[in-house]
C-alpha atoms as a PDB file:
ATOM      1  CA  MET A   1     -61.819 133.565 153.671  1.00  0.00           C
ATOM      2  CA  THR A   2     -58.886 135.676 152.448  1.00  0.00           C
ATOM      3  CA  ARG A   3     -58.875 136.888 148.856  1.00  0.00           C
ATOM      4  CA  ALA A   4     -55.648 136.133 147.009  1.00  0.00           C
ATOM      5  CA  ALA A   5     -54.261 136.780 143.549  1.00  0.00           C
ATOM      6  CA  LEU A   6     -52.013 134.077 142.139  1.00  0.00           C
ATOM      7  CA  LEU A   7     -49.774 134.944 139.190  1.00  0.00           C
ATOM      8  CA  TYR A   8     -50.740 132.261 136.709  1.00  0.00           C
ATOM      9  CA  SER A   9     -49.235 130.972 133.458  1.00  0.00           C
ATOM     10  CA  GLY A  10     -51.418 127.919 132.862  1.00  0.00           C
ATOM     11  CA  GLY A  11     -48.455 125.611 133.497  1.00  0.00           C
ATOM     12  CA  LYS A  12     -48.004 122.902 136.092  1.00  0.00           C
ATOM     13  CA  ASP A  13     -46.175 125.009 138.703  1.00  0.00           C
ATOM     14  CA  SER A  14     -48.766 127.766 139.020  1.00  0.00           C
ATOM     15  CA  SER A  15     -51.605 125.230 138.669  1.00  0.00           C
ATOM     16  CA  LEU A  16     -50.279 123.155 141.551  1.00  0.00           C
ATOM     17  CA  ALA A  17     -49.881 126.348 143.610  1.00  0.00           C
ATOM     18  CA  ALA A  18     -53.520 127.223 142.840  1.00  0.00           C
ATOM     19  CA  VAL A  19     -54.794 123.854 144.057  1.00  0.00           C
ATOM     20  CA  LEU A  20     -52.716 124.026 147.251  1.00  0.00           C
ATOM     21  CA  LEU A  21     -53.875 127.557 148.083  1.00  0.00           C
ATOM     22  CA  SER A  22     -57.510 126.736 147.394  1.00  0.00           C
ATOM     23  CA  ARG A  23     -57.282 123.783 149.799  1.00  0.00           C
ATOM     24  CA  LEU A  24     -55.826 126.134 152.413  1.00  0.00           C
ATOM     25  CA  GLY A  25     -58.998 128.222 152.167  1.00  0.00           C
ATOM     26  CA  PHE A  26     -57.949 131.185 150.025  1.00  0.00           C
ATOM     27  CA  GLU A  27     -60.508 132.731 147.663  1.00  0.00           C
ATOM     28  CA  LEU A  28     -58.350 132.722 144.549  1.00  0.00           C
ATOM     29  CA  THR A  29     -58.236 134.740 141.370  1.00  0.00           C
ATOM     30  CA  LEU A  30     -55.632 133.515 138.902  1.00  0.00           C
ATOM     31  CA  CYS A  31     -53.962 136.507 137.217  1.00  0.00           C
ATOM     32  CA  THR A  32     -52.099 136.254 133.914  1.00  0.00           C
ATOM     33  CA  VAL A  33     -49.796 139.039 132.748  1.00  0.00           C
ATOM     34  CA  SER A  34     -50.517 140.474 129.309  1.00  0.00           C
ATOM     35  CA  PHE A  35     -48.958 143.319 127.375  1.00  0.00           C
ATOM     36  CA  GLY A  36     -51.318 142.931 124.416  1.00  0.00           C
ATOM     37  CA  VAL A  37     -48.536 141.591 122.178  1.00  0.00           C
ATOM     38  CA  ASN A  38     -50.195 138.252 121.515  1.00  0.00           C
ATOM     39  CA  GLY A  39     -53.042 136.133 122.831  1.00  0.00           C
ATOM     40  CA  ALA A  40     -50.910 133.815 124.986  1.00  0.00           C
ATOM     41  CA  TRP A  41     -52.842 134.869 128.108  1.00  0.00           C
ATOM     42  CA  GLU A  42     -55.937 133.137 126.676  1.00  0.00           C
ATOM     43  CA  THR A  43     -54.248 129.758 127.131  1.00  0.00           C
ATOM     44  CA  ALA A  44     -53.895 130.479 130.852  1.00  0.00           C
ATOM     45  CA  ARG A  45     -57.518 131.643 131.016  1.00  0.00           C
ATOM     46  CA  ASP A  46     -58.620 128.326 129.490  1.00  0.00           C
ATOM     47  CA  ALA A  47     -56.453 126.343 131.924  1.00  0.00           C
ATOM     48  CA  ALA A  48     -57.922 128.268 134.870  1.00  0.00           C
ATOM     49  CA  ALA A  49     -61.440 127.504 133.637  1.00  0.00           C
ATOM     50  CA  ALA A  50     -60.597 123.805 133.209  1.00  0.00           C
ATOM     51  CA  LEU A  51     -59.458 123.718 136.848  1.00  0.00           C
ATOM     52  CA  GLY A  52     -62.478 125.674 138.113  1.00  0.00           C
ATOM     53  CA  PHE A  53     -60.793 128.948 139.110  1.00  0.00           C
ATOM     54  CA  ASP A  54     -61.662 132.578 138.437  1.00  0.00           C
ATOM     55  CA  HIS A  55     -59.254 134.289 136.054  1.00  0.00           C
ATOM     56  CA  GLU A  56     -58.138 137.860 135.401  1.00  0.00           C
ATOM     57  CA  ARG A  57     -56.036 139.266 132.592  1.00  0.00           C
ATOM     58  CA  LEU A  58     -53.452 141.520 134.224  1.00  0.00           C
ATOM     59  CA  VAL A  59     -52.493 144.194 131.692  1.00  0.00           C
ATOM     60  CA  LEU A  60     -49.160 145.873 132.362  1.00  0.00           C
ATOM     61  CA  GLY A  61     -47.742 148.891 130.568  1.00  0.00           C
ATOM     62  CA  ARG A  62     -45.528 148.385 127.534  1.00  0.00           C
ATOM     63  CA  GLU A  63     -42.724 150.277 129.270  1.00  0.00           C
ATOM     64  CA  VAL A  64     -42.287 147.241 131.563  1.00  0.00           C
ATOM     65  CA  LEU A  65     -41.948 144.963 128.546  1.00  0.00           C
ATOM     66  CA  GLU A  66     -39.534 147.335 126.832  1.00  0.00           C
ATOM     67  CA  GLU A  67     -37.321 147.540 129.929  1.00  0.00           C
ATOM     68  CA  ALA A  68     -37.406 143.739 130.328  1.00  0.00           C
ATOM     69  CA  CYS A  69     -36.244 143.294 126.738  1.00  0.00           C
ATOM     70  CA  ARG A  70     -33.507 145.893 127.222  1.00  0.00           C
ATOM     71  CA  LEU A  71     -32.189 143.953 130.216  1.00  0.00           C
ATOM     72  CA  ILE A  72     -32.305 140.645 128.340  1.00  0.00           C
ATOM     73  CA  VAL A  73     -30.359 142.072 125.399  1.00  0.00           C
ATOM     74  CA  ARG A  74     -27.863 143.764 127.730  1.00  0.00           C
ATOM     75  CA  ASP A  75     -27.247 140.628 129.790  1.00  0.00           C
ATOM     76  CA  GLY A  76     -27.482 138.060 127.000  1.00  0.00           C
ATOM     77  CA  PHE A  77     -29.877 135.929 129.068  1.00  0.00           C
ATOM     78  CA  PRO A  78     -33.456 136.399 130.343  1.00  0.00           C
ATOM     79  CA  ARG A  79     -33.195 136.205 134.155  1.00  0.00           C
ATOM     80  CA  ASP A  80     -33.242 139.919 135.069  1.00  0.00           C
ATOM     81  CA  GLY A  81     -35.846 140.742 132.420  1.00  0.00           C
ATOM     82  CA  ILE A  82     -38.201 138.035 133.657  1.00  0.00           C
ATOM     83  CA  ASN A  83     -37.653 139.102 137.269  1.00  0.00           C
ATOM     84  CA  LEU A  84     -38.514 142.697 136.346  1.00  0.00           C
ATOM     85  CA  VAL A  85     -41.859 141.616 134.848  1.00  0.00           C
ATOM     86  CA  HIS A  86     -42.556 139.382 137.839  1.00  0.00           C
ATOM     87  CA  ARG A  87     -41.937 142.200 140.325  1.00  0.00           C
ATOM     88  CA  ALA A  88     -44.148 144.582 138.316  1.00  0.00           C
ATOM     89  CA  ALA A  89     -46.955 142.010 138.278  1.00  0.00           C
ATOM     90  CA  LEU A  90     -46.699 141.424 142.026  1.00  0.00           C
ATOM     91  CA  GLU A  91     -46.760 145.183 142.689  1.00  0.00           C
ATOM     92  CA  GLU A  92     -49.929 145.486 140.607  1.00  0.00           C
ATOM     93  CA  VAL A  93     -51.858 142.733 142.394  1.00  0.00           C
ATOM     94  CA  ALA A  94     -50.482 143.608 145.858  1.00  0.00           C
ATOM     95  CA  ALA A  95     -52.175 147.009 145.571  1.00  0.00           C
ATOM     96  CA  ARG A  96     -55.566 145.286 145.179  1.00  0.00           C
ATOM     97  CA  TYR A  97     -55.475 141.972 147.055  1.00  0.00           C
ATOM     98  CA  PRO A  98     -54.839 141.175 150.731  1.00  0.00           C
ATOM     99  CA  ALA A  99     -52.695 138.207 149.658  1.00  0.00           C
ATOM    100  CA  VAL A 100     -50.559 137.586 146.573  1.00  0.00           C
ATOM    101  CA  ALA A 101     -48.915 134.375 145.456  1.00  0.00           C
ATOM    102  CA  ASP A 102     -46.924 132.768 142.700  1.00  0.00           C
ATOM    103  CA  GLY A 103     -45.771 129.332 141.588  1.00  0.00           C
ATOM    104  CA  THR A 104     -42.060 129.857 142.114  1.00  0.00           C
ATOM    105  CA  ARG A 105     -40.307 126.752 143.374  1.00  0.00           C
ATOM    106  CA  ARG A 106     -37.112 125.934 145.236  1.00  0.00           C
ATOM    107  CA  ASP A 107     -34.962 125.469 142.118  1.00  0.00           C
ATOM    108  CA  ASP A 108     -36.094 128.566 140.203  1.00  0.00           C
ATOM    109  CA  ARG A 109     -33.610 131.267 139.242  1.00  0.00           C
ATOM    110  CA  ALA A 110     -36.269 133.376 137.556  1.00  0.00           C
ATOM    111  CA  PRO A 111     -38.711 134.526 138.512  1.00  0.00           C
ATOM    112  CA  ARG A 112     -37.588 134.770 142.102  1.00  0.00           C
ATOM    113  CA  LEU A 113     -37.830 137.321 144.906  1.00  0.00           C
ATOM    114  CA  GLY A 114     -35.199 137.789 147.581  1.00  0.00           C
ATOM    115  CA  PHE A 115     -36.145 137.949 151.260  1.00  0.00           C
ATOM    116  CA  ALA A 116     -35.731 141.739 151.421  1.00  0.00           C
ATOM    117  CA  GLU A 117     -37.963 142.186 148.348  1.00  0.00           C
ATOM    118  CA  ILE A 118     -40.669 140.005 149.929  1.00  0.00           C
ATOM    119  CA  ARG A 119     -40.612 141.978 153.173  1.00  0.00           C
ATOM    120  CA  SER A 120     -40.717 145.270 151.266  1.00  0.00           C
ATOM    121  CA  LEU A 121     -43.696 144.139 149.152  1.00  0.00           C
ATOM    122  CA  GLU A 122     -45.637 142.997 152.212  1.00  0.00           C
ATOM    123  CA  ASP A 123     -44.827 146.095 154.289  1.00  0.00           C
ATOM    124  CA  ARG A 124     -45.555 148.660 151.564  1.00  0.00           C
ATOM    125  CA  HIS A 125     -48.884 147.122 150.528  1.00  0.00           C
ATOM    126  CA  GLY A 126     -50.028 145.504 153.771  1.00  0.00           C
ATOM    127  CA  THR A 127     -50.340 142.232 151.886  1.00  0.00           C
ATOM    128  CA  GLU A 128     -49.269 138.635 152.436  1.00  0.00           C
ATOM    129  CA  TYR A 129     -46.856 137.091 149.920  1.00  0.00           C
ATOM    130  CA  ILE A 130     -47.177 133.322 149.536  1.00  0.00           C
ATOM    131  CA  ALA A 131     -44.974 130.973 147.526  1.00  0.00           C
ATOM    132  CA  PRO A 132     -46.450 127.551 148.343  1.00  0.00           C
ATOM    133  CA  LEU A 133     -43.935 125.683 146.148  1.00  0.00           C
ATOM    134  CA  ALA A 134     -40.824 127.398 147.537  1.00  0.00           C
ATOM    135  CA  GLY A 135     -39.739 124.247 149.375  1.00  0.00           C
ATOM    136  CA  ILE A 136     -40.541 121.807 146.570  1.00  0.00           C
ATOM    137  CA  GLY A 137     -37.912 120.622 144.116  1.00  0.00           C
ATOM    138  CA  HIS A 138     -38.357 120.049 140.398  1.00  0.00           C
ATOM    139  CA  ARG A 139     -38.553 116.240 140.628  1.00  0.00           C
ATOM    140  CA  THR A 140     -41.272 116.250 143.298  1.00  0.00           C
ATOM    141  CA  LEU A 141     -43.263 118.934 141.536  1.00  0.00           C
ATOM    142  CA  ASN A 142     -43.185 117.037 138.237  1.00  0.00           C
ATOM    143  CA  ARG A 143     -44.416 113.877 139.955  1.00  0.00           C
ATOM    144  CA  LEU A 144     -47.258 115.621 141.794  1.00  0.00           C
ATOM    145  CA  ALA A 145     -48.363 117.599 138.742  1.00  0.00           C
ATOM    146  CA  GLY A 146     -48.239 114.473 136.557  1.00  0.00           C
ATOM    147  CA  GLU A 147     -50.480 112.625 139.005  1.00  0.00           C
ATOM    148  CA  MET A 148     -52.935 115.514 139.319  1.00  0.00           C
ATOM    149  CA  PHE A 149     -53.175 117.179 135.887  1.00  0.00           C
ATOM    150  CA  ILE A 150     -53.569 116.325 132.239  1.00  0.00           C
ATOM    151  CA  LEU A 151     -50.477 117.984 130.773  1.00  0.00           C
ATOM    152  CA  GLU A 152     -49.238 118.962 127.361  1.00  0.00           C
ATOM    153  CA  GLU A 153     -45.488 119.470 127.127  1.00  0.00           C
ATOM    154  CA  GLY A 154     -43.182 120.820 124.467  1.00  0.00           C
ATOM    155  CA  GLU A 155     -40.315 123.182 123.708  1.00  0.00           C
ATOM    156  CA  SER A 156     -40.998 126.604 125.162  1.00  0.00           C
ATOM    157  CA  ARG A 157     -41.001 128.355 121.775  1.00  0.00           C
ATOM    158  CA  ARG A 158     -43.721 126.059 120.434  1.00  0.00           C
ATOM    159  CA  MET A 159     -45.768 125.845 123.618  1.00  0.00           C
ATOM    160  CA  ALA A 160     -48.560 128.414 123.653  1.00  0.00           C
ATOM    161  CA  LYS A 161     -48.676 129.396 127.306  1.00  0.00           C
ATOM    162  CA  GLY A 162     -49.522 132.523 129.243  1.00  0.00           C
ATOM    163  CA  ASP A 163     -46.145 133.084 130.858  1.00  0.00           C
ATOM    164  CA  TYR A 164     -43.842 136.090 130.664  1.00  0.00           C
ATOM    165  CA  GLU A 165     -41.566 134.386 128.162  1.00  0.00           C
ATOM    166  CA  ALA A 166     -44.271 134.086 125.482  1.00  0.00           C
ATOM    167  CA  GLU A 167     -44.969 137.818 125.315  1.00  0.00           C
ATOM    168  CA  ILE A 168     -41.319 138.810 125.664  1.00  0.00           C
ATOM    169  CA  TRP A 169     -40.436 136.448 122.800  1.00  0.00           C
ATOM    170  CA  ALA A 170     -43.185 137.884 120.559  1.00  0.00           C
ATOM    171  CA  PHE A 171     -42.192 141.466 121.400  1.00  0.00           C
ATOM    172  CA  MET A 172     -38.540 140.800 120.601  1.00  0.00           C
ATOM    173  CA  GLU A 173     -39.503 139.314 117.238  1.00  0.00           C
ATOM    174  CA  GLU A 174     -41.648 142.400 116.571  1.00  0.00           C
ATOM    175  CA  ARG A 175     -38.535 144.520 117.163  1.00  0.00           C
ATOM    176  CA  GLY A 176     -36.410 142.452 114.774  1.00  0.00           C
ATOM    177  CA  LEU A 177     -34.435 140.760 117.559  1.00  0.00           C
ATOM    178  CA  GLU A 178     -33.738 137.021 117.683  1.00  0.00           C
ATOM    179  CA  PRO A 179     -35.077 135.720 121.032  1.00  0.00           C
ATOM    180  CA  GLY A 180     -33.411 132.355 120.468  1.00  0.00           C
ATOM    181  CA  LYS A 181     -30.077 134.047 121.177  1.00  0.00           C
ATOM    182  CA  PHE A 182     -31.147 134.885 124.713  1.00  0.00           C
ATOM    183  CA  PHE A 183     -33.443 132.061 125.871  1.00  0.00           C
ATOM    184  CA  PRO A 184     -32.375 128.449 126.485  1.00  0.00           C
ATOM    185  CA  ARG A 185     -32.702 126.404 123.293  1.00  0.00           C
ATOM    186  CA  SER A 186     -33.994 123.171 124.839  1.00  0.00           C
ATOM    187  CA  HIS A 187     -36.307 124.449 127.564  1.00  0.00           C
ATOM    188  CA  ILE A 188     -39.409 122.262 128.033  1.00  0.00           C
ATOM    189  CA  GLN A 189     -42.645 123.946 129.139  1.00  0.00           C
ATOM    190  CA  SER A 190     -45.966 122.489 130.178  1.00  0.00           C
ATOM    191  CA  ARG A 191     -49.554 123.574 129.902  1.00  0.00           C
ATOM    192  CA  VAL A 192     -52.404 122.228 132.010  1.00  0.00           C
ATOM    193  CA  LEU A 193     -55.490 120.948 130.196  1.00  0.00           C
ATOM    194  CA  GLY A 194     -57.497 119.780 133.212  1.00  0.00           C
ATOM    195  CA  TYR A 195     -57.575 117.372 136.148  1.00  0.00           C
ATOM    196  CA  ARG A 196     -56.829 113.689 135.739  1.00  0.00           C
ATOM    197  CA  ARG A 197     -59.800 112.973 138.006  1.00  0.00           C
ATOM    198  CA  PRO A 198     -62.984 115.027 138.394  1.00  0.00           C
ATOM    199  CA  GLY A 199     -63.072 117.672 141.112  1.00  0.00           C
ATOM    200  CA  LYS A 200     -60.231 119.414 142.913  1.00  0.00           C
ATOM    201  CA  PRO A 201     -57.804 116.837 144.344  1.00  0.00           C
ATOM    202  CA  LEU A 202     -55.780 116.948 147.597  1.00  0.00           C
END
């Protein structure tokens, strides 16, 4: 059984990726990025426990967060900043796990790796990169996750979730910036509370 680290936010995308990978026989640890700005990673830890997976808090250096915020302010939107954090997180777990994965899907703009970045990550670390949702669209994913998980949904700013956006938002507020200027105003996020039926489905 191959050990794999899955970057995990506690939302429906990464939760569905976790279930798929576990059914494919990977020994999974769900890893949530934390910069120590707030306790958003704890929400992901609780979601992982509710689904029966091991969880790890993945602490990255504040310089990554600072650079991500600089990019967001420079660009006026979060894509490059979120991608920077995502790449840093993958580099961290790729150095320790024979396989790394995330919940990125077909329609995502961020986080997202290009083909050359994937090949470079795999070649430099001797790891496997897996994106089990890469061929699944938003509509299909929402249907599958709704059938499988108990979900709580709300506007991203009000949804306590262990994704990159939560810590970036808190850090920007700490610095006197207004994150609402850079992130979409009506972005709906989800958080997984457990399975709709006992046991791991699929």
